[in-house]
Amino acid sequence: MFSLRIKEETLLLAIEDLSREHPFAFERVGYFHGKREGGLVVLDNWLSFKDDEYLDNTMAGACIGPLGMQRLSKEAFNTKDSYFHFHLHGFQEIPEFSGIDMRSLKEVSPGLFGFSKSGPHGGIVKGRKGWCVALWSERKKDPIFLEEGSVNLEVYRG
């Protein structure tokens, strides 16, 4: 079992960042990251993408381009942290990953092990009253999900 702990201050910073309008993207995305200690991952850092790191792609609410992905890869290589993609689904009480969310996560999250082997890596979506989480514990494994009881998520005051 994995426990994810997000520092409240970092969560509020991320929500504020994601709430800003973008010139063309429908939504913003970013990454929580932090250190793993056994089954506990403390996510106390936020990686925000700059406006020019988004691609104008009408197939997705937000699409990060090569510059943003390169910066994410460098950060992961330098920090060796666990990285969790994060965005908001304010239109859902209890959120679910969209099809495009899962396709993107299945490409990016396992790939992060090439830069930061410690893992786990994955994705988090926050709705109005809940969360959904997908977590890859190893590069070649399938993800585990919050609703399966194998992942716990809590917000803590630092």
Protein backbone atom coordinates (compact mmCIF):
# COMPACT_ATOMS: atom_id res chain seq x y z
CA MET A 1 0.00 0.00 0.00
CA PHE A 2 1.15 3.54 -0.77
CA SER A 3 0.26 6.68 1.16
CA LEU A 4 0.50 10.04 -0.57
CA ARG A 5 0.70 13.11 1.65
CA ILE A 6 0.30 16.54 0.07
CA LYS A 7 1.38 19.55 2.06
CA GLU A 8 -1.65 21.87 2.38
CA GLU A 9 0.39 24.95 1.45
CA THR A 10 1.61 23.19 -1.71
CA LEU A 11 -1.93 22.09 -2.61
CA LEU A 12 -3.25 25.65 -2.24
CA LEU A 13 -0.38 26.98 -4.38
CA ALA A 14 -1.16 24.37 -7.06
CA ILE A 15 -4.89 25.16 -7.07
CA GLU A 16 -4.16 28.88 -7.36
CA ASP A 17 -1.73 28.20 -10.22
CA LEU A 18 -4.17 25.92 -12.06
CA SER A 19 -6.99 28.45 -11.65
CA ARG A 20 -5.21 31.04 -13.80
CA GLU A 21 -6.53 31.43 -17.32
CA HIS A 22 -4.32 30.33 -20.17
CA PRO A 23 -4.26 32.16 -23.53
CA PHE A 24 -5.52 29.07 -25.41
CA ALA A 25 -5.53 25.94 -23.23
CA PHE A 26 -8.86 25.00 -21.64
CA GLU A 27 -7.14 24.03 -18.39
CA ARG A 28 -3.72 24.07 -16.73
CA VAL A 29 -1.72 21.15 -15.40
CA GLY A 30 1.36 20.69 -13.25
CA TYR A 31 3.23 18.18 -11.11
CA PHE A 32 3.46 17.58 -7.39
CA HIS A 33 6.75 16.03 -6.44
CA GLY A 34 8.53 14.88 -3.33
CA LYS A 35 10.49 12.15 -1.60
CA ARG A 36 9.53 8.56 -0.99
CA GLU A 37 10.19 6.83 2.31
CA GLY A 38 9.07 3.21 1.99
CA GLY A 39 5.36 3.27 1.16
CA LEU A 40 5.00 6.96 2.07
CA VAL A 41 5.42 9.70 -0.53
CA VAL A 42 5.46 13.28 0.79
CA LEU A 43 4.51 15.65 -2.04
CA ASP A 44 5.68 19.05 -0.85
CA ASN A 45 6.85 20.66 -4.11
CA TRP A 46 5.00 22.02 -7.15
CA LEU A 47 6.19 22.17 -10.77
CA SER A 48 4.18 24.66 -12.83
CA PHE A 49 4.29 24.92 -16.61
CA LYS A 50 4.85 28.26 -18.33
CA ASP A 51 2.36 29.52 -20.92
CA ASP A 52 4.78 28.87 -23.79
CA GLU A 53 5.28 25.25 -22.68
CA TYR A 54 1.68 24.39 -23.67
CA LEU A 55 0.77 23.32 -27.19
CA ASP A 56 -2.35 24.62 -28.92
CA ASN A 57 -4.14 21.27 -29.24
CA THR A 58 -7.94 21.12 -29.37
CA MET A 59 -7.94 17.35 -28.68
CA ALA A 60 -7.09 17.90 -25.00
CA GLY A 61 -7.89 20.45 -22.32
CA ALA A 62 -4.15 20.98 -21.88
CA CYS A 63 -1.21 19.63 -23.84
CA ILE A 64 2.36 20.13 -22.65
CA GLY A 65 4.87 20.46 -25.47
CA PRO A 66 8.50 19.38 -25.84
CA LEU A 67 9.95 22.29 -23.82
CA GLY A 68 7.74 21.51 -20.83
CA MET A 69 8.36 17.77 -21.04
CA GLN A 70 12.10 18.40 -21.30
CA ARG A 71 11.99 20.56 -18.16
CA LEU A 72 9.95 17.90 -16.31
CA SER A 73 12.48 15.22 -17.32
CA LYS A 74 15.43 17.35 -16.16
CA GLU A 75 13.72 18.11 -12.84
CA ALA A 76 13.01 14.41 -12.28
CA PHE A 77 16.61 13.50 -13.14
CA ASN A 78 18.03 16.18 -10.82
CA THR A 79 15.73 15.64 -7.83
CA LYS A 80 15.11 11.87 -8.06
CA ASP A 81 11.66 12.64 -6.61
CA SER A 82 8.32 10.94 -7.17
CA TYR A 83 6.21 12.96 -9.65
CA PHE A 84 2.41 13.15 -9.83
CA HIS A 85 0.62 14.97 -12.62
CA PHE A 86 -2.17 17.14 -11.15
CA HIS A 87 -5.15 18.97 -12.55
CA LEU A 88 -8.65 19.97 -11.51
CA HIS A 89 -12.04 18.62 -12.54
CA GLY A 90 -14.21 21.33 -10.98
CA PHE A 91 -17.15 20.04 -13.01
CA GLN A 92 -17.22 16.72 -11.08
CA GLU A 93 -18.02 16.06 -7.41
CA ILE A 94 -15.95 12.87 -7.33
CA PRO A 95 -13.63 13.02 -10.34
CA GLU A 96 -12.69 10.33 -12.80
CA PHE A 97 -9.79 10.26 -15.21
CA SER A 98 -10.91 10.99 -18.76
CA GLY A 99 -9.79 8.72 -21.58
CA ILE A 100 -7.18 11.25 -22.66
CA ASP A 101 -6.02 11.63 -19.03
CA MET A 102 -5.32 7.89 -18.82
CA ARG A 103 -3.66 7.72 -22.24
CA SER A 104 -1.31 10.56 -21.26
CA LEU A 105 -0.60 9.13 -17.82
CA LYS A 106 0.19 5.70 -19.31
CA GLU A 107 2.77 7.34 -21.57
CA VAL A 108 4.40 9.80 -19.18
CA SER A 109 4.27 8.20 -15.70
CA PRO A 110 6.14 4.96 -16.50
CA GLY A 111 8.59 7.01 -18.59
CA LEU A 112 9.55 9.07 -15.55
CA PHE A 113 11.29 5.99 -14.11
CA GLY A 114 13.98 6.58 -16.75
CA PHE A 115 14.83 9.84 -14.97
CA SER A 116 13.86 9.09 -11.37
CA LYS A 117 13.95 5.38 -10.60
CA SER A 118 12.72 5.75 -7.02
CA GLY A 119 9.09 6.33 -8.01
CA PRO A 120 6.27 5.90 -7.63
CA HIS A 121 4.92 8.23 -10.30
CA GLY A 122 1.36 8.89 -11.40
CA GLY A 123 -1.54 11.27 -11.61
CA ILE A 124 -4.03 13.00 -9.32
CA VAL A 125 -7.25 14.76 -10.26
CA LYS A 126 -9.17 16.80 -7.70
CA GLY A 127 -12.92 17.26 -8.03
CA ARG A 128 -15.21 19.39 -5.88
CA LYS A 129 -15.45 16.74 -3.13
CA GLY A 130 -12.92 14.06 -3.90
CA TRP A 131 -9.86 12.79 -5.69
CA CYS A 132 -8.82 10.14 -8.14
CA VAL A 133 -5.29 8.78 -8.14
CA ALA A 134 -3.40 6.47 -10.50
CA LEU A 135 0.00 5.27 -9.28
CA TRP A 136 2.74 3.32 -11.02
CA SER A 137 5.02 1.60 -8.48
CA GLU A 138 7.30 0.25 -11.20
CA ARG A 139 7.91 1.12 -14.84
CA LYS A 140 6.47 -2.08 -16.30
CA LYS A 141 3.52 -2.60 -13.97
CA ASP A 142 -0.08 -1.54 -14.42
CA PRO A 143 -1.26 1.40 -12.30
CA ILE A 144 -3.06 1.03 -9.01
CA PHE A 145 -5.94 3.33 -8.12
CA LEU A 146 -7.22 5.14 -5.03
CA GLU A 147 -10.60 3.40 -5.23
CA GLU A 148 -8.94 -0.03 -5.13
CA GLY A 149 -7.72 0.66 -1.59
CA SER A 150 -4.04 0.29 -2.51
CA VAL A 151 -3.38 4.04 -2.41
CA ASN A 152 -4.23 6.49 0.34
CA LEU A 153 -4.13 10.28 -0.10
CA GLU A 154 -4.19 12.89 2.64
CA VAL A 155 -3.49 16.60 2.94
CA TYR A 156 -1.35 17.68 5.90
CA ARG A 157 -0.42 21.01 7.45
CA GLY A 158 3.34 21.56 7.39
